[in-house]
Amino acid sequence: MTYLKFNTNILLRENDICLRGVFMARRIKIKVIDKDKDLNLRLPSIPFWLITSMCSLAFTFKPFLLKYVDDLDEEARAVLKELDYKSIKEVFDILRSNGQFDLVDISSGDGTEVKVSIL
């Protein structure tokens, strides 16, 4: 593994930098606060590798789910047939390549706040 050293004495792996010089994002963080319903959901930052691994595991069970589960309505069944691991991974790769940014940042006057950050 190749490391790059900058003047700030921070070691970065070579694959952490995309072609535009923007650092690749590694995690997603979700925060939902609703004062009316006393909801305060602050998820810790979740690494993209963990999300893609869980998606890969879930897609191994997809054929069994479509074959043996009778409670699925037709709309959910159609969506499951169309989803594949390659498209989900592509979405996360695009999110990673854009560096750090706030994907969703919504605040209202009544204290409701939703924030999804790519870190």
Foldseek 3Di string as FASTA:
>chain_A
DDWDADPVRDIDDPVQADPVRAGFFFWKWKWWQDPVVRDTDTDDTDGPVVVLVVVVVVLVCLVVCLPPDPPDDPVVSVVSVPDDSVVVVVVVRVNRNVHKDWPDWDADPNGTTITMIGD
